[in-house]
Amino acid sequence: MYLISVPNLPPVFSIRIEASSLYYIYKANVTTDTTVELLLKCFQAHVKDVFNYKLNYAGQDLQNTDTLKNLGLKVGVYTSIYEIINDK
């Protein structure tokens, strides 16, 4: 019998990215260490779009290097609606 040590991984939870101008709602499974840049890349791959987008949360543009932990989003907190703004 072998004992395997598993690292203490951060919990996974779901958030939604809403693009009202495109009528898309994208659901992503994330951790608190997920960056805004990764979310944007996943969203763009999902909608197969060539435009540049920025995530906006609570009236504030989010930087690509922001993590969900830095933004204060945690497991069990339902403040997870993001708007995508087109930067044509």
PDB file of N, CA and C in Angstrom:
ATOM      1  N   MET A   1       0.839  -1.176   0.000  1.00  0.00           N
ATOM      2  CA  MET A   1       0.000   0.000   0.000  1.00  0.00           C
ATOM      3  C   MET A   1       0.886   1.241   0.000  1.00  0.00           C
ATOM      4  N   TYR A   2       0.599   2.152  -0.914  1.00  0.00           N
ATOM      5  CA  TYR A   2       1.361   3.383  -1.037  1.00  0.00           C
ATOM      6  C   TYR A   2       0.548   4.556  -0.511  1.00  0.00           C
ATOM      7  N   LEU A   3       1.207   5.443   0.164  1.00  0.00           N
ATOM      8  CA  LEU A   3       0.566   6.675   0.609  1.00  0.00           C
ATOM      9  C   LEU A   3       1.014   7.803  -0.309  1.00  0.00           C
ATOM     10  N   ILE A   4       0.061   8.502  -0.839  1.00  0.00           N
ATOM     11  CA  ILE A   4       0.364   9.598  -1.748  1.00  0.00           C
ATOM     12  C   ILE A   4       0.003  10.905  -1.065  1.00  0.00           C
ATOM     13  N   SER A   5       0.947  11.810  -1.063  1.00  0.00           N
ATOM     14  CA  SER A   5       0.712  13.120  -0.465  1.00  0.00           C
ATOM     15  C   SER A   5       0.194  14.070  -1.543  1.00  0.00           C
ATOM     16  N   VAL A   6      -0.943  14.667  -1.298  1.00  0.00           N
ATOM     17  CA  VAL A   6      -1.536  15.615  -2.239  1.00  0.00           C
ATOM     18  C   VAL A   6      -1.379  17.015  -1.664  1.00  0.00           C
ATOM     19  N   PRO A   7      -0.875  17.950  -2.478  1.00  0.00           N
ATOM     20  CA  PRO A   7      -0.728  19.317  -1.958  1.00  0.00           C
ATOM     21  C   PRO A   7      -2.085  19.933  -1.640  1.00  0.00           C
ATOM     22  N   ASN A   8      -2.068  20.904  -0.772  1.00  0.00           N
ATOM     23  CA  ASN A   8      -3.300  21.587  -0.391  1.00  0.00           C
ATOM     24  C   ASN A   8      -3.661  22.589  -1.491  1.00  0.00           C
ATOM     25  N   LEU A   9      -4.485  22.156  -2.432  1.00  0.00           N
ATOM     26  CA  LEU A   9      -4.851  22.987  -3.580  1.00  0.00           C
ATOM     27  C   LEU A   9      -5.971  23.950  -3.220  1.00  0.00           C
ATOM     28  N   PRO A  10      -5.982  25.129  -3.848  1.00  0.00           N
ATOM     29  CA  PRO A  10      -7.081  26.066  -3.584  1.00  0.00           C
ATOM     30  C   PRO A  10      -8.387  25.509  -4.138  1.00  0.00           C
ATOM     31  N   PRO A  11      -9.510  25.814  -3.505  1.00  0.00           N
ATOM     32  CA  PRO A  11     -10.797  25.293  -3.975  1.00  0.00           C
ATOM     33  C   PRO A  11     -11.194  25.888  -5.324  1.00  0.00           C
ATOM     34  N   VAL A  12     -11.928  25.098  -6.093  1.00  0.00           N
ATOM     35  CA  VAL A  12     -12.423  25.524  -7.398  1.00  0.00           C
ATOM     36  C   VAL A  12     -13.867  25.980  -7.239  1.00  0.00           C
ATOM     37  N   PHE A  13     -14.217  27.110  -7.869  1.00  0.00           N
ATOM     38  CA  PHE A  13     -15.596  27.584  -7.860  1.00  0.00           C
ATOM     39  C   PHE A  13     -15.915  28.185  -9.216  1.00  0.00           C
ATOM     40  N   SER A  14     -17.176  28.446  -9.476  1.00  0.00           N
ATOM     41  CA  SER A  14     -17.612  28.947 -10.781  1.00  0.00           C
ATOM     42  C   SER A  14     -17.920  30.432 -10.729  1.00  0.00           C
ATOM     43  N   ILE A  15     -17.579  31.125 -11.813  1.00  0.00           N
ATOM     44  CA  ILE A  15     -18.012  32.506 -12.004  1.00  0.00           C
ATOM     45  C   ILE A  15     -18.607  32.606 -13.401  1.00  0.00           C
ATOM     46  N   ARG A  16     -19.324  33.667 -13.644  1.00  0.00           N
ATOM     47  CA  ARG A  16     -19.909  33.889 -14.960  1.00  0.00           C
ATOM     48  C   ARG A  16     -19.382  35.193 -15.537  1.00  0.00           C
ATOM     49  N   ILE A  17     -19.051  35.143 -16.814  1.00  0.00           N
ATOM     50  CA  ILE A  17     -18.652  36.334 -17.553  1.00  0.00           C
ATOM     51  C   ILE A  17     -19.795  36.630 -18.506  1.00  0.00           C
ATOM     52  N   GLU A  18     -20.368  37.809 -18.377  1.00  0.00           N
ATOM     53  CA  GLU A  18     -21.530  38.169 -19.184  1.00  0.00           C
ATOM     54  C   GLU A  18     -21.142  39.243 -20.189  1.00  0.00           C
ATOM     55  N   ALA A  19     -21.441  38.988 -21.450  1.00  0.00           N
ATOM     56  CA  ALA A  19     -21.211  39.972 -22.511  1.00  0.00           C
ATOM     57  C   ALA A  19     -22.563  40.330 -23.088  1.00  0.00           C
ATOM     58  N   SER A  20     -23.185  41.344 -22.527  1.00  0.00           N
ATOM     59  CA  SER A  20     -24.553  41.682 -22.925  1.00  0.00           C
ATOM     60  C   SER A  20     -24.637  42.153 -24.369  1.00  0.00           C
ATOM     61  N   SER A  21     -23.588  42.789 -24.873  1.00  0.00           N
ATOM     62  CA  SER A  21     -23.637  43.254 -26.260  1.00  0.00           C
ATOM     63  C   SER A  21     -23.576  42.091 -27.246  1.00  0.00           C
ATOM     64  N   LEU A  22     -23.033  40.953 -26.801  1.00  0.00           N
ATOM     65  CA  LEU A  22     -22.931  39.778 -27.664  1.00  0.00           C
ATOM     66  C   LEU A  22     -23.913  38.681 -27.270  1.00  0.00           C
ATOM     67  N   TYR A  23     -24.643  38.878 -26.204  1.00  0.00           N
ATOM     68  CA  TYR A  23     -25.592  37.892 -25.678  1.00  0.00           C
ATOM     69  C   TYR A  23     -24.906  36.578 -25.306  1.00  0.00           C
ATOM     70  N   TYR A  24     -23.706  36.677 -24.773  1.00  0.00           N
ATOM     71  CA  TYR A  24     -22.978  35.507 -24.308  1.00  0.00           C
ATOM     72  C   TYR A  24     -22.930  35.509 -22.788  1.00  0.00           C
ATOM     73  N   ILE A  25     -23.046  34.333 -22.223  1.00  0.00           N
ATOM     74  CA  ILE A  25     -22.730  34.129 -20.810  1.00  0.00           C
ATOM     75  C   ILE A  25     -21.771  32.951 -20.773  1.00  0.00           C
ATOM     76  N   TYR A  26     -20.587  33.184 -20.279  1.00  0.00           N
ATOM     77  CA  TYR A  26     -19.546  32.164 -20.236  1.00  0.00           C
ATOM     78  C   TYR A  26     -19.316  31.779 -18.784  1.00  0.00           C
ATOM     79  N   LYS A  27     -19.392  30.490 -18.493  1.00  0.00           N
ATOM     80  CA  LYS A  27     -19.164  30.000 -17.136  1.00  0.00           C
ATOM     81  C   LYS A  27     -17.760  29.414 -17.070  1.00  0.00           C
ATOM     82  N   ALA A  28     -16.985  29.860 -16.091  1.00  0.00           N
ATOM     83  CA  ALA A  28     -15.614  29.386 -15.925  1.00  0.00           C
ATOM     84  C   ALA A  28     -15.432  28.816 -14.527  1.00  0.00           C
ATOM     85  N   ASN A  29     -14.772  27.672 -14.450  1.00  0.00           N
ATOM     86  CA  ASN A  29     -14.383  27.110 -13.163  1.00  0.00           C
ATOM     87  C   ASN A  29     -12.993  27.637 -12.848  1.00  0.00           C
ATOM     88  N   VAL A  30     -12.859  28.294 -11.716  1.00  0.00           N
ATOM     89  CA  VAL A  30     -11.637  29.026 -11.384  1.00  0.00           C
ATOM     90  C   VAL A  30     -11.198  28.736  -9.955  1.00  0.00           C
ATOM     91  N   THR A  31      -9.997  29.200  -9.632  1.00  0.00           N
ATOM     92  CA  THR A  31      -9.537  29.234  -8.245  1.00  0.00           C
ATOM     93  C   THR A  31      -9.287  30.695  -7.892  1.00  0.00           C
ATOM     94  N   THR A  32      -8.978  30.954  -6.658  1.00  0.00           N
ATOM     95  CA  THR A  32      -8.712  32.336  -6.251  1.00  0.00           C
ATOM     96  C   THR A  32      -7.423  32.867  -6.869  1.00  0.00           C
ATOM     97  N   ASP A  33      -6.567  31.976  -7.384  1.00  0.00           N
ATOM     98  CA  ASP A  33      -5.315  32.388  -8.020  1.00  0.00           C
ATOM     99  C   ASP A  33      -5.464  32.645  -9.518  1.00  0.00           C
ATOM    100  N   THR A  34      -6.650  32.482 -10.072  1.00  0.00           N
ATOM    101  CA  THR A  34      -6.886  32.718 -11.496  1.00  0.00           C
ATOM    102  C   THR A  34      -6.718  34.201 -11.805  1.00  0.00           C
ATOM    103  N   THR A  35      -6.040  34.497 -12.907  1.00  0.00           N
ATOM    104  CA  THR A  35      -5.822  35.892 -13.297  1.00  0.00           C
ATOM    105  C   THR A  35      -6.892  36.358 -14.274  1.00  0.00           C
ATOM    106  N   VAL A  36      -7.053  37.656 -14.344  1.00  0.00           N
ATOM    107  CA  VAL A  36      -7.982  38.271 -15.292  1.00  0.00           C
ATOM    108  C   VAL A  36      -7.550  37.943 -16.721  1.00  0.00           C
ATOM    109  N   GLU A  37      -6.250  37.942 -16.971  1.00  0.00           N
ATOM    110  CA  GLU A  37      -5.739  37.638 -18.311  1.00  0.00           C
ATOM    111  C   GLU A  37      -6.181  36.248 -18.771  1.00  0.00           C
ATOM    112  N   LEU A  38      -6.095  35.258 -17.889  1.00  0.00           N
ATOM    113  CA  LEU A  38      -6.518  33.900 -18.238  1.00  0.00           C
ATOM    114  C   LEU A  38      -8.016  33.844 -18.520  1.00  0.00           C
ATOM    115  N   LEU A  39      -8.814  34.532 -17.712  1.00  0.00           N
ATOM    116  CA  LEU A  39     -10.258  34.568 -17.954  1.00  0.00           C
ATOM    117  C   LEU A  39     -10.581  35.169 -19.316  1.00  0.00           C
ATOM    118  N   LEU A  40      -9.904  36.249 -19.666  1.00  0.00           N
ATOM    119  CA  LEU A  40     -10.140  36.887 -20.961  1.00  0.00           C
ATOM    120  C   LEU A  40      -9.766  35.968 -22.115  1.00  0.00           C
ATOM    121  N   LYS A  41      -8.635  35.288 -22.005  1.00  0.00           N
ATOM    122  CA  LYS A  41      -8.208  34.372 -23.068  1.00  0.00           C
ATOM    123  C   LYS A  41      -9.201  33.228 -23.234  1.00  0.00           C
ATOM    124  N   CYS A  42      -9.681  32.685 -22.138  1.00  0.00           N
ATOM    125  CA  CYS A  42     -10.661  31.597 -22.204  1.00  0.00           C
ATOM    126  C   CYS A  42     -11.968  32.081 -22.820  1.00  0.00           C
ATOM    127  N   PHE A  43     -12.408  33.274 -22.443  1.00  0.00           N
ATOM    128  CA  PHE A  43     -13.639  33.831 -23.007  1.00  0.00           C
ATOM    129  C   PHE A  43     -13.489  34.035 -24.508  1.00  0.00           C
ATOM    130  N   GLN A  44     -12.384  34.628 -24.941  1.00  0.00           N
ATOM    131  CA  GLN A  44     -12.182  34.885 -26.368  1.00  0.00           C
ATOM    132  C   GLN A  44     -12.102  33.589 -27.165  1.00  0.00           C
ATOM    133  N   ALA A  45     -11.499  32.547 -26.600  1.00  0.00           N
ATOM    134  CA  ALA A  45     -11.462  31.253 -27.281  1.00  0.00           C
ATOM    135  C   ALA A  45     -12.868  30.668 -27.388  1.00  0.00           C
ATOM    136  N   HIS A  46     -13.679  30.895 -26.376  1.00  0.00           N
ATOM    137  CA  HIS A  46     -15.049  30.375 -26.366  1.00  0.00           C
ATOM    138  C   HIS A  46     -15.917  31.054 -27.419  1.00  0.00           C
ATOM    139  N   VAL A  47     -15.832  32.367 -27.535  1.00  0.00           N
ATOM    140  CA  VAL A  47     -16.680  33.094 -28.489  1.00  0.00           C
ATOM    141  C   VAL A  47     -16.024  33.223 -29.865  1.00  0.00           C
ATOM    142  N   LYS A  48     -14.771  32.793 -29.982  1.00  0.00           N
ATOM    143  CA  LYS A  48     -14.038  32.846 -31.255  1.00  0.00           C
ATOM    144  C   LYS A  48     -14.080  34.246 -31.858  1.00  0.00           C
ATOM    145  N   ASP A  49     -13.739  35.215 -31.048  1.00  0.00           N
ATOM    146  CA  ASP A  49     -13.826  36.616 -31.431  1.00  0.00           C
ATOM    147  C   ASP A  49     -12.426  37.205 -31.568  1.00  0.00           C
ATOM    148  N   VAL A  50     -12.273  38.187 -32.438  1.00  0.00           N
ATOM    149  CA  VAL A  50     -10.963  38.801 -32.673  1.00  0.00           C
ATOM    150  C   VAL A  50     -10.817  40.159 -31.992  1.00  0.00           C
ATOM    151  N   PHE A  51     -11.859  40.644 -31.336  1.00  0.00           N
ATOM    152  CA  PHE A  51     -11.801  41.943 -30.678  1.00  0.00           C
ATOM    153  C   PHE A  51     -11.050  41.849 -29.356  1.00  0.00           C
ATOM    154  N   ASN A  52     -10.566  42.987 -28.890  1.00  0.00           N
ATOM    155  CA  ASN A  52      -9.946  43.064 -27.569  1.00  0.00           C
ATOM    156  C   ASN A  52     -11.018  43.422 -26.556  1.00  0.00           C
ATOM    157  N   TYR A  53     -10.954  42.807 -25.396  1.00  0.00           N
ATOM    158  CA  TYR A  53     -11.928  43.045 -24.347  1.00  0.00           C
ATOM    159  C   TYR A  53     -11.225  43.416 -23.058  1.00  0.00           C
ATOM    160  N   LYS A  54     -11.962  44.052 -22.174  1.00  0.00           N
ATOM    161  CA  LYS A  54     -11.513  44.316 -20.806  1.00  0.00           C
ATOM    162  C   LYS A  54     -12.616  43.854 -19.875  1.00  0.00           C
ATOM    163  N   LEU A  55     -12.217  43.291 -18.756  1.00  0.00           N
ATOM    164  CA  LEU A  55     -13.204  42.941 -17.744  1.00  0.00           C
ATOM    165  C   LEU A  55     -13.464  44.165 -16.885  1.00  0.00           C
ATOM    166  N   ASN A  56     -14.710  44.383 -16.580  1.00  0.00           N
ATOM    167  CA  ASN A  56     -15.131  45.500 -15.747  1.00  0.00           C
ATOM    168  C   ASN A  56     -15.943  44.920 -14.612  1.00  0.00           C
ATOM    169  N   TYR A  57     -15.577  45.264 -13.388  1.00  0.00           N
ATOM    170  CA  TYR A  57     -16.288  44.754 -12.219  1.00  0.00           C
ATOM    171  C   TYR A  57     -16.551  45.911 -11.271  1.00  0.00           C
ATOM    172  N   ALA A  58     -17.793  46.114 -10.917  1.00  0.00           N
ATOM    173  CA  ALA A  58     -18.201  47.179  -9.995  1.00  0.00           C
ATOM    174  C   ALA A  58     -17.712  48.545 -10.476  1.00  0.00           C
ATOM    175  N   GLY A  59     -17.797  48.774 -11.785  1.00  0.00           N
ATOM    176  CA  GLY A  59     -17.416  50.062 -12.342  1.00  0.00           C
ATOM    177  C   GLY A  59     -15.928  50.297 -12.483  1.00  0.00           C
ATOM    178  N   GLN A  60     -15.133  49.266 -12.292  1.00  0.00           N
ATOM    179  CA  GLN A  60     -13.679  49.407 -12.322  1.00  0.00           C
ATOM    180  C   GLN A  60     -13.102  48.451 -13.368  1.00  0.00           C
ATOM    181  N   ASP A  61     -12.245  48.971 -14.269  1.00  0.00           N
ATOM    182  CA  ASP A  61     -11.548  48.112 -15.222  1.00  0.00           C
ATOM    183  C   ASP A  61     -10.521  47.277 -14.475  1.00  0.00           C
ATOM    184  N   LEU A  62     -10.495  45.989 -14.763  1.00  0.00           N
ATOM    185  CA  LEU A  62      -9.565  45.085 -14.103  1.00  0.00           C
ATOM    186  C   LEU A  62      -8.298  44.945 -14.930  1.00  0.00           C
ATOM    187  N   GLN A  63      -7.175  44.854 -14.255  1.00  0.00           N
ATOM    188  CA  GLN A  63      -5.878  44.684 -14.915  1.00  0.00           C
ATOM    189  C   GLN A  63      -5.625  43.199 -15.164  1.00  0.00           C
ATOM    190  N   ASN A  64      -4.868  42.884 -16.212  1.00  0.00           N
ATOM    191  CA  ASN A  64      -4.590  41.488 -16.556  1.00  0.00           C
ATOM    192  C   ASN A  64      -3.892  40.730 -15.437  1.00  0.00           C
ATOM    193  N   THR A  65      -3.114  41.422 -14.628  1.00  0.00           N
ATOM    194  CA  THR A  65      -2.357  40.754 -13.568  1.00  0.00           C
ATOM    195  C   THR A  65      -3.163  40.557 -12.286  1.00  0.00           C
ATOM    196  N   ASP A  66      -4.359  41.130 -12.203  1.00  0.00           N
ATOM    197  CA  ASP A  66      -5.207  40.945 -11.021  1.00  0.00           C
ATOM    198  C   ASP A  66      -5.604  39.481 -10.888  1.00  0.00           C
ATOM    199  N   THR A  67      -5.628  38.993  -9.655  1.00  0.00           N
ATOM    200  CA  THR A  67      -6.163  37.658  -9.387  1.00  0.00           C
ATOM    201  C   THR A  67      -7.503  37.811  -8.683  1.00  0.00           C
ATOM    202  N   LEU A  68      -8.278  36.754  -8.696  1.00  0.00           N
ATOM    203  CA  LEU A  68      -9.575  36.814  -8.027  1.00  0.00           C
ATOM    204  C   LEU A  68      -9.409  37.025  -6.529  1.00  0.00           C
ATOM    205  N   LYS A  69      -8.310  36.523  -5.983  1.00  0.00           N
ATOM    206  CA  LYS A  69      -8.032  36.739  -4.556  1.00  0.00           C
ATOM    207  C   LYS A  69      -7.820  38.223  -4.276  1.00  0.00           C
ATOM    208  N   ASN A  70      -7.050  38.904  -5.133  1.00  0.00           N
ATOM    209  CA  ASN A  70      -6.799  40.340  -4.953  1.00  0.00           C
ATOM    210  C   ASN A  70      -8.074  41.161  -5.100  1.00  0.00           C
ATOM    211  N   LEU A  71      -9.017  40.664  -5.889  1.00  0.00           N
ATOM    212  CA  LEU A  71     -10.282  41.369  -6.091  1.00  0.00           C
ATOM    213  C   LEU A  71     -11.284  41.092  -4.976  1.00  0.00           C
ATOM    214  N   GLY A  72     -10.957  40.149  -4.106  1.00  0.00           N
ATOM    215  CA  GLY A  72     -11.833  39.843  -2.984  1.00  0.00           C
ATOM    216  C   GLY A  72     -12.912  38.821  -3.286  1.00  0.00           C
ATOM    217  N   LEU A  73     -12.839  38.153  -4.426  1.00  0.00           N
ATOM    218  CA  LEU A  73     -13.828  37.129  -4.759  1.00  0.00           C
ATOM    219  C   LEU A  73     -13.386  35.801  -4.172  1.00  0.00           C
ATOM    220  N   LYS A  74     -14.273  35.171  -3.414  1.00  0.00           N
ATOM    221  CA  LYS A  74     -13.947  33.928  -2.730  1.00  0.00           C
ATOM    222  C   LYS A  74     -15.042  32.906  -2.980  1.00  0.00           C
ATOM    223  N   VAL A  75     -14.782  31.713  -2.508  1.00  0.00           N
ATOM    224  CA  VAL A  75     -15.778  30.654  -2.583  1.00  0.00           C
ATOM    225  C   VAL A  75     -16.994  31.058  -1.762  1.00  0.00           C
ATOM    226  N   GLY A  76     -18.165  30.883  -2.315  1.00  0.00           N
ATOM    227  CA  GLY A  76     -19.392  31.168  -1.590  1.00  0.00           C
ATOM    228  C   GLY A  76     -19.870  32.604  -1.687  1.00  0.00           C
ATOM    229  N   VAL A  77     -19.089  33.487  -2.293  1.00  0.00           N
ATOM    230  CA  VAL A  77     -19.509  34.876  -2.470  1.00  0.00           C
ATOM    231  C   VAL A  77     -20.106  34.997  -3.861  1.00  0.00           C
ATOM    232  N   TYR A  78     -21.363  35.401  -3.928  1.00  0.00           N
ATOM    233  CA  TYR A  78     -22.029  35.502  -5.225  1.00  0.00           C
ATOM    234  C   TYR A  78     -21.989  36.936  -5.726  1.00  0.00           C
ATOM    235  N   THR A  79     -20.822  37.375  -6.089  1.00  0.00           N
ATOM    236  CA  THR A  79     -20.647  38.666  -6.759  1.00  0.00           C
ATOM    237  C   THR A  79     -19.840  38.382  -8.008  1.00  0.00           C
ATOM    238  N   SER A  80     -20.412  37.600  -8.896  1.00  0.00           N
ATOM    239  CA  SER A  80     -19.604  37.035  -9.966  1.00  0.00           C
ATOM    240  C   SER A  80     -20.067  37.379 -11.372  1.00  0.00           C
ATOM    241  N   ILE A  81     -20.757  38.488 -11.540  1.00  0.00           N
ATOM    242  CA  ILE A  81     -21.175  38.875 -12.879  1.00  0.00           C
ATOM    243  C   ILE A  81     -20.211  39.932 -13.402  1.00  0.00           C
ATOM    244  N   TYR A  82     -19.608  39.652 -14.508  1.00  0.00           N
ATOM    245  CA  TYR A  82     -18.659  40.558 -15.144  1.00  0.00           C
ATOM    246  C   TYR A  82     -19.223  41.019 -16.470  1.00  0.00           C
ATOM    247  N   GLU A  83     -18.944  42.223 -16.848  1.00  0.00           N
ATOM    248  CA  GLU A  83     -19.332  42.718 -18.164  1.00  0.00           C
ATOM    249  C   GLU A  83     -18.095  42.804 -19.034  1.00  0.00           C
ATOM    250  N   ILE A  84     -18.248  42.408 -20.270  1.00  0.00           N
ATOM    251  CA  ILE A  84     -17.163  42.518 -21.232  1.00  0.00           C
ATOM    252  C   ILE A  84     -17.375  43.797 -22.027  1.00  0.00           C
ATOM    253  N   ILE A  85     -16.340  44.606 -22.134  1.00  0.00           N
ATOM    254  CA  ILE A  85     -16.421  45.864 -22.869  1.00  0.00           C
ATOM    255  C   ILE A  85     -15.547  45.738 -24.107  1.00  0.00           C
ATOM    256  N   ASN A  86     -16.113  46.024 -25.260  1.00  0.00           N
ATOM    257  CA  ASN A  86     -15.386  45.899 -26.516  1.00  0.00           C
ATOM    258  C   ASN A  86     -14.493  47.117 -26.720  1.00  0.00           C
ATOM    259  N   ASP A  87     -13.233  46.876 -27.057  1.00  0.00           N
ATOM    260  CA  ASP A  87     -12.239  47.938 -27.276  1.00  0.00           C
ATOM    261  C   ASP A  87     -11.938  48.159 -28.752  1.00  0.00           C
ATOM    262  N   LYS A  88     -12.869  48.012 -29.625  1.00  0.00           N
ATOM    263  CA  LYS A  88     -12.641  48.057 -31.077  1.00  0.00           C
ATOM    264  C   LYS A  88     -11.588  49.018 -31.440  1.00  0.00           C
TER     265      LYS A  88
END
